[in-house]
């Protein structure tokens, strides 16, 4: 299912990422290391 909105909680070394669909159902909720954030967003489909 396609994400409607992606949120990013900034921290020093790890980020909390979440994505929801048009019905506000959580599609993604994960912790990502700073070094992997760009890689994560490159793989995501545009909202």
PDB file of N, CA and C in Angstrom:
ATOM      1  N   UNK A   1       0.842  -1.180   0.000  1.00  0.00           N
ATOM      2  CA  UNK A   1       0.000   0.000   0.000  1.00  0.00           C
ATOM      3  C   UNK A   1       0.886   1.242   0.000  1.00  0.00           C
ATOM      4  N   UNK A   2       0.457   2.277  -0.650  1.00  0.00           N
ATOM      5  CA  UNK A   2       1.230   3.506  -0.789  1.00  0.00           C
ATOM      6  C   UNK A   2       1.109   4.384   0.461  1.00  0.00           C
ATOM      7  N   UNK A   3       2.230   4.950   0.873  1.00  0.00           N
ATOM      8  CA  UNK A   3       2.254   5.859   2.026  1.00  0.00           C
ATOM      9  C   UNK A   3       1.684   7.215   1.632  1.00  0.00           C
ATOM     10  N   UNK A   4       0.901   7.797   2.528  1.00  0.00           N
ATOM     11  CA  UNK A   4       0.394   9.150   2.324  1.00  0.00           C
ATOM     12  C   UNK A   4       1.261  10.173   3.045  1.00  0.00           C
ATOM     13  N   UNK A   5       1.844   9.727   4.157  1.00  0.00           N
ATOM     14  CA  UNK A   5       2.634  10.657   4.972  1.00  0.00           C
ATOM     15  C   UNK A   5       3.737   9.871   5.663  1.00  0.00           C
ATOM     16  N   UNK A   6       4.921  10.465   5.687  1.00  0.00           N
ATOM     17  CA  UNK A   6       6.061   9.863   6.378  1.00  0.00           C
ATOM     18  C   UNK A   6       6.554  10.855   7.414  1.00  0.00           C
ATOM     19  N   UNK A   7       6.753  10.377   8.641  1.00  0.00           N
ATOM     20  CA  UNK A   7       7.270  11.213   9.722  1.00  0.00           C
ATOM     21  C   UNK A   7       8.662  10.760  10.111  1.00  0.00           C
ATOM     22  N   UNK A   8       9.464  11.711  10.561  1.00  0.00           N
ATOM     23  CA  UNK A   8      10.838  11.420  10.948  1.00  0.00           C
ATOM     24  C   UNK A   8      11.131  12.145  12.253  1.00  0.00           C
ATOM     25  N   UNK A   9      11.395  11.382  13.306  1.00  0.00           N
ATOM     26  CA  UNK A   9      11.749  11.933  14.612  1.00  0.00           C
ATOM     27  C   UNK A   9      13.271  11.989  14.683  1.00  0.00           C
ATOM     28  N   UNK A  10      13.814  13.189  14.711  1.00  0.00           N
ATOM     29  CA  UNK A  10      15.261  13.387  14.673  1.00  0.00           C
ATOM     30  C   UNK A  10      15.901  13.161  16.033  1.00  0.00           C
ATOM     31  N   UNK A  11      17.048  12.525  16.023  1.00  0.00           N
ATOM     32  CA  UNK A  11      17.849  12.311  17.224  1.00  0.00           C
ATOM     33  C   UNK A  11      19.318  12.367  16.814  1.00  0.00           C
ATOM     34  N   UNK A  12      20.208  12.152  17.759  1.00  0.00           N
ATOM     35  CA  UNK A  12      21.631  12.264  17.441  1.00  0.00           C
ATOM     36  C   UNK A  12      22.140  11.116  16.581  1.00  0.00           C
ATOM     37  N   UNK A  13      21.855   9.892  16.960  1.00  0.00           N
ATOM     38  CA  UNK A  13      22.433   8.738  16.265  1.00  0.00           C
ATOM     39  C   UNK A  13      21.426   7.848  15.555  1.00  0.00           C
ATOM     40  N   UNK A  14      20.182   7.855  16.011  1.00  0.00           N
ATOM     41  CA  UNK A  14      19.142   7.047  15.369  1.00  0.00           C
ATOM     42  C   UNK A  14      17.899   7.901  15.160  1.00  0.00           C
ATOM     43  N   UNK A  15      17.127   7.552  14.143  1.00  0.00           N
ATOM     44  CA  UNK A  15      15.889   8.255  13.832  1.00  0.00           C
ATOM     45  C   UNK A  15      14.736   7.269  13.906  1.00  0.00           C
ATOM     46  N   UNK A  16      13.595   7.749  14.356  1.00  0.00           N
ATOM     47  CA  UNK A  16      12.367   6.962  14.336  1.00  0.00           C
ATOM     48  C   UNK A  16      11.595   7.382  13.091  1.00  0.00           C
ATOM     49  N   UNK A  17      11.259   6.421  12.250  1.00  0.00           N
ATOM     50  CA  UNK A  17      10.545   6.691  11.008  1.00  0.00           C
ATOM     51  C   UNK A  17       9.196   5.991  11.063  1.00  0.00           C
ATOM     52  N   UNK A  18       8.153   6.697  10.603  1.00  0.00           N
ATOM     53  CA  UNK A  18       6.853   6.048  10.491  1.00  0.00           C
ATOM     54  C   UNK A  18       6.166   6.547   9.228  1.00  0.00           C
ATOM     55  N   UNK A  19       5.309   5.703   8.694  1.00  0.00           N
ATOM     56  CA  UNK A  19       4.534   6.061   7.509  1.00  0.00           C
ATOM     57  C   UNK A  19       3.109   5.568   7.707  1.00  0.00           C
ATOM     58  N   UNK A  20       2.156   6.373   7.254  1.00  0.00           N
ATOM     59  CA  UNK A  20       0.746   5.998   7.340  1.00  0.00           C
ATOM     60  C   UNK A  20       0.113   6.118   5.959  1.00  0.00           C
ATOM     61  N   UNK A  21      -0.973   5.362   5.762  1.00  0.00           N
ATOM     62  CA  UNK A  21      -1.695   5.436   4.494  1.00  0.00           C
ATOM     63  C   UNK A  21      -2.828   6.450   4.605  1.00  0.00           C
ATOM     64  N   UNK A  22      -3.678   6.506   3.603  1.00  0.00           N
ATOM     65  CA  UNK A  22      -4.754   7.500   3.582  1.00  0.00           C
ATOM     66  C   UNK A  22      -5.780   7.292   4.691  1.00  0.00           C
ATOM     67  N   UNK A  23      -5.853   6.087   5.246  1.00  0.00           N
ATOM     68  CA  UNK A  23      -6.775   5.799   6.345  1.00  0.00           C
ATOM     69  C   UNK A  23      -6.098   5.897   7.708  1.00  0.00           C
ATOM     70  N   UNK A  24      -4.878   6.455   7.734  1.00  0.00           N
ATOM     71  CA  UNK A  24      -4.074   6.621   8.951  1.00  0.00           C
ATOM     72  C   UNK A  24      -3.610   5.289   9.538  1.00  0.00           C
ATOM     73  N   UNK A  25      -3.629   4.232   8.750  1.00  0.00           N
ATOM     74  CA  UNK A  25      -3.110   2.932   9.183  1.00  0.00           C
ATOM     75  C   UNK A  25      -1.584   2.977   9.092  1.00  0.00           C
ATOM     76  N   UNK A  26      -0.918   2.562  10.160  1.00  0.00           N
ATOM     77  CA  UNK A  26       0.545   2.586  10.187  1.00  0.00           C
ATOM     78  C   UNK A  26       1.088   1.510   9.252  1.00  0.00           C
ATOM     79  N   UNK A  27       1.925   1.933   8.310  1.00  0.00           N
ATOM     80  CA  UNK A  27       2.542   1.013   7.362  1.00  0.00           C
ATOM     81  C   UNK A  27       3.976   0.698   7.750  1.00  0.00           C
ATOM     82  N   UNK A  28       4.676   1.681   8.274  1.00  0.00           N
ATOM     83  CA  UNK A  28       6.078   1.521   8.659  1.00  0.00           C
ATOM     84  C   UNK A  28       6.288   2.193  10.007  1.00  0.00           C
ATOM     85  N   UNK A  29       6.974   1.517  10.891  1.00  0.00           N
ATOM     86  CA  UNK A  29       7.434   2.110  12.151  1.00  0.00           C
ATOM     87  C   UNK A  29       8.733   1.408  12.488  1.00  0.00           C
ATOM     88  N   UNK A  30       9.845   2.138  12.361  1.00  0.00           N
ATOM     89  CA  UNK A  30      11.137   1.512  12.604  1.00  0.00           C
ATOM     90  C   UNK A  30      12.161   2.537  13.052  1.00  0.00           C
ATOM     91  N   UNK A  31      13.225   2.037  13.645  1.00  0.00           N
ATOM     92  CA  UNK A  31      14.364   2.844  14.061  1.00  0.00           C
ATOM     93  C   UNK A  31      15.469   2.649  13.036  1.00  0.00           C
ATOM     94  N   UNK A  32      16.030   3.769  12.578  1.00  0.00           N
ATOM     95  CA  UNK A  32      17.064   3.720  11.547  1.00  0.00           C
ATOM     96  C   UNK A  32      18.286   4.492  12.025  1.00  0.00           C
ATOM     97  N   UNK A  33      19.456   3.915  11.816  1.00  0.00           N
ATOM     98  CA  UNK A  33      20.697   4.608  12.147  1.00  0.00           C
ATOM     99  C   UNK A  33      20.883   5.794  11.203  1.00  0.00           C
ATOM    100  N   UNK A  34      21.546   6.819  11.705  1.00  0.00           N
ATOM    101  CA  UNK A  34      21.793   8.032  10.919  1.00  0.00           C
ATOM    102  C   UNK A  34      22.400   7.697   9.553  1.00  0.00           C
ATOM    103  N   UNK A  35      23.307   6.766   9.517  1.00  0.00           N
ATOM    104  CA  UNK A  35      23.998   6.422   8.271  1.00  0.00           C
ATOM    105  C   UNK A  35      23.090   5.746   7.243  1.00  0.00           C
ATOM    106  N   UNK A  36      21.913   5.282   7.658  1.00  0.00           N
ATOM    107  CA  UNK A  36      21.007   4.554   6.760  1.00  0.00           C
ATOM    108  C   UNK A  36      19.769   5.355   6.355  1.00  0.00           C
ATOM    109  N   UNK A  37      19.633   6.595   6.830  1.00  0.00           N
ATOM    110  CA  UNK A  37      18.424   7.379   6.556  1.00  0.00           C
ATOM    111  C   UNK A  37      18.270   7.670   5.065  1.00  0.00           C
ATOM    112  N   UNK A  38      19.312   8.149   4.424  1.00  0.00           N
ATOM    113  CA  UNK A  38      19.229   8.461   2.999  1.00  0.00           C
ATOM    114  C   UNK A  38      18.885   7.213   2.188  1.00  0.00           C
ATOM    115  N   UNK A  39      19.513   6.111   2.513  1.00  0.00           N
ATOM    116  CA  UNK A  39      19.237   4.840   1.834  1.00  0.00           C
ATOM    117  C   UNK A  39      17.759   4.455   1.976  1.00  0.00           C
ATOM    118  N   UNK A  40      17.190   4.647   3.168  1.00  0.00           N
ATOM    119  CA  UNK A  40      15.782   4.337   3.413  1.00  0.00           C
ATOM    120  C   UNK A  40      14.878   5.177   2.508  1.00  0.00           C
ATOM    121  N   UNK A  41      15.123   6.495   2.455  1.00  0.00           N
ATOM    122  CA  UNK A  41      14.247   7.372   1.680  1.00  0.00           C
ATOM    123  C   UNK A  41      14.414   7.177   0.173  1.00  0.00           C
ATOM    124  N   UNK A  42      15.581   6.793  -0.274  1.00  0.00           N
ATOM    125  CA  UNK A  42      15.782   6.503  -1.697  1.00  0.00           C
ATOM    126  C   UNK A  42      14.899   5.336  -2.124  1.00  0.00           C
ATOM    127  N   UNK A  43      14.687   4.384  -1.234  1.00  0.00           N
ATOM    128  CA  UNK A  43      13.897   3.191  -1.554  1.00  0.00           C
ATOM    129  C   UNK A  43      12.389   3.430  -1.489  1.00  0.00           C
ATOM    130  N   UNK A  44      11.955   4.555  -0.905  1.00  0.00           N
ATOM    131  CA  UNK A  44      10.526   4.806  -0.743  1.00  0.00           C
ATOM    132  C   UNK A  44       9.917   5.408  -2.006  1.00  0.00           C
ATOM    133  N   UNK A  45       8.678   5.023  -2.253  1.00  0.00           N
ATOM    134  CA  UNK A  45       7.908   5.602  -3.346  1.00  0.00           C
ATOM    135  C   UNK A  45       7.489   7.014  -2.934  1.00  0.00           C
ATOM    136  N   UNK A  46       7.423   7.969  -3.856  1.00  0.00           N
ATOM    137  CA  UNK A  46       6.965   9.318  -3.482  1.00  0.00           C
ATOM    138  C   UNK A  46       5.556   9.270  -2.887  1.00  0.00           C
ATOM    139  N   UNK A  47       5.300  10.099  -1.896  1.00  0.00           N
ATOM    140  CA  UNK A  47       3.979  10.134  -1.246  1.00  0.00           C
ATOM    141  C   UNK A  47       2.957  10.822  -2.131  1.00  0.00           C
TER     142      UNK A  47
END
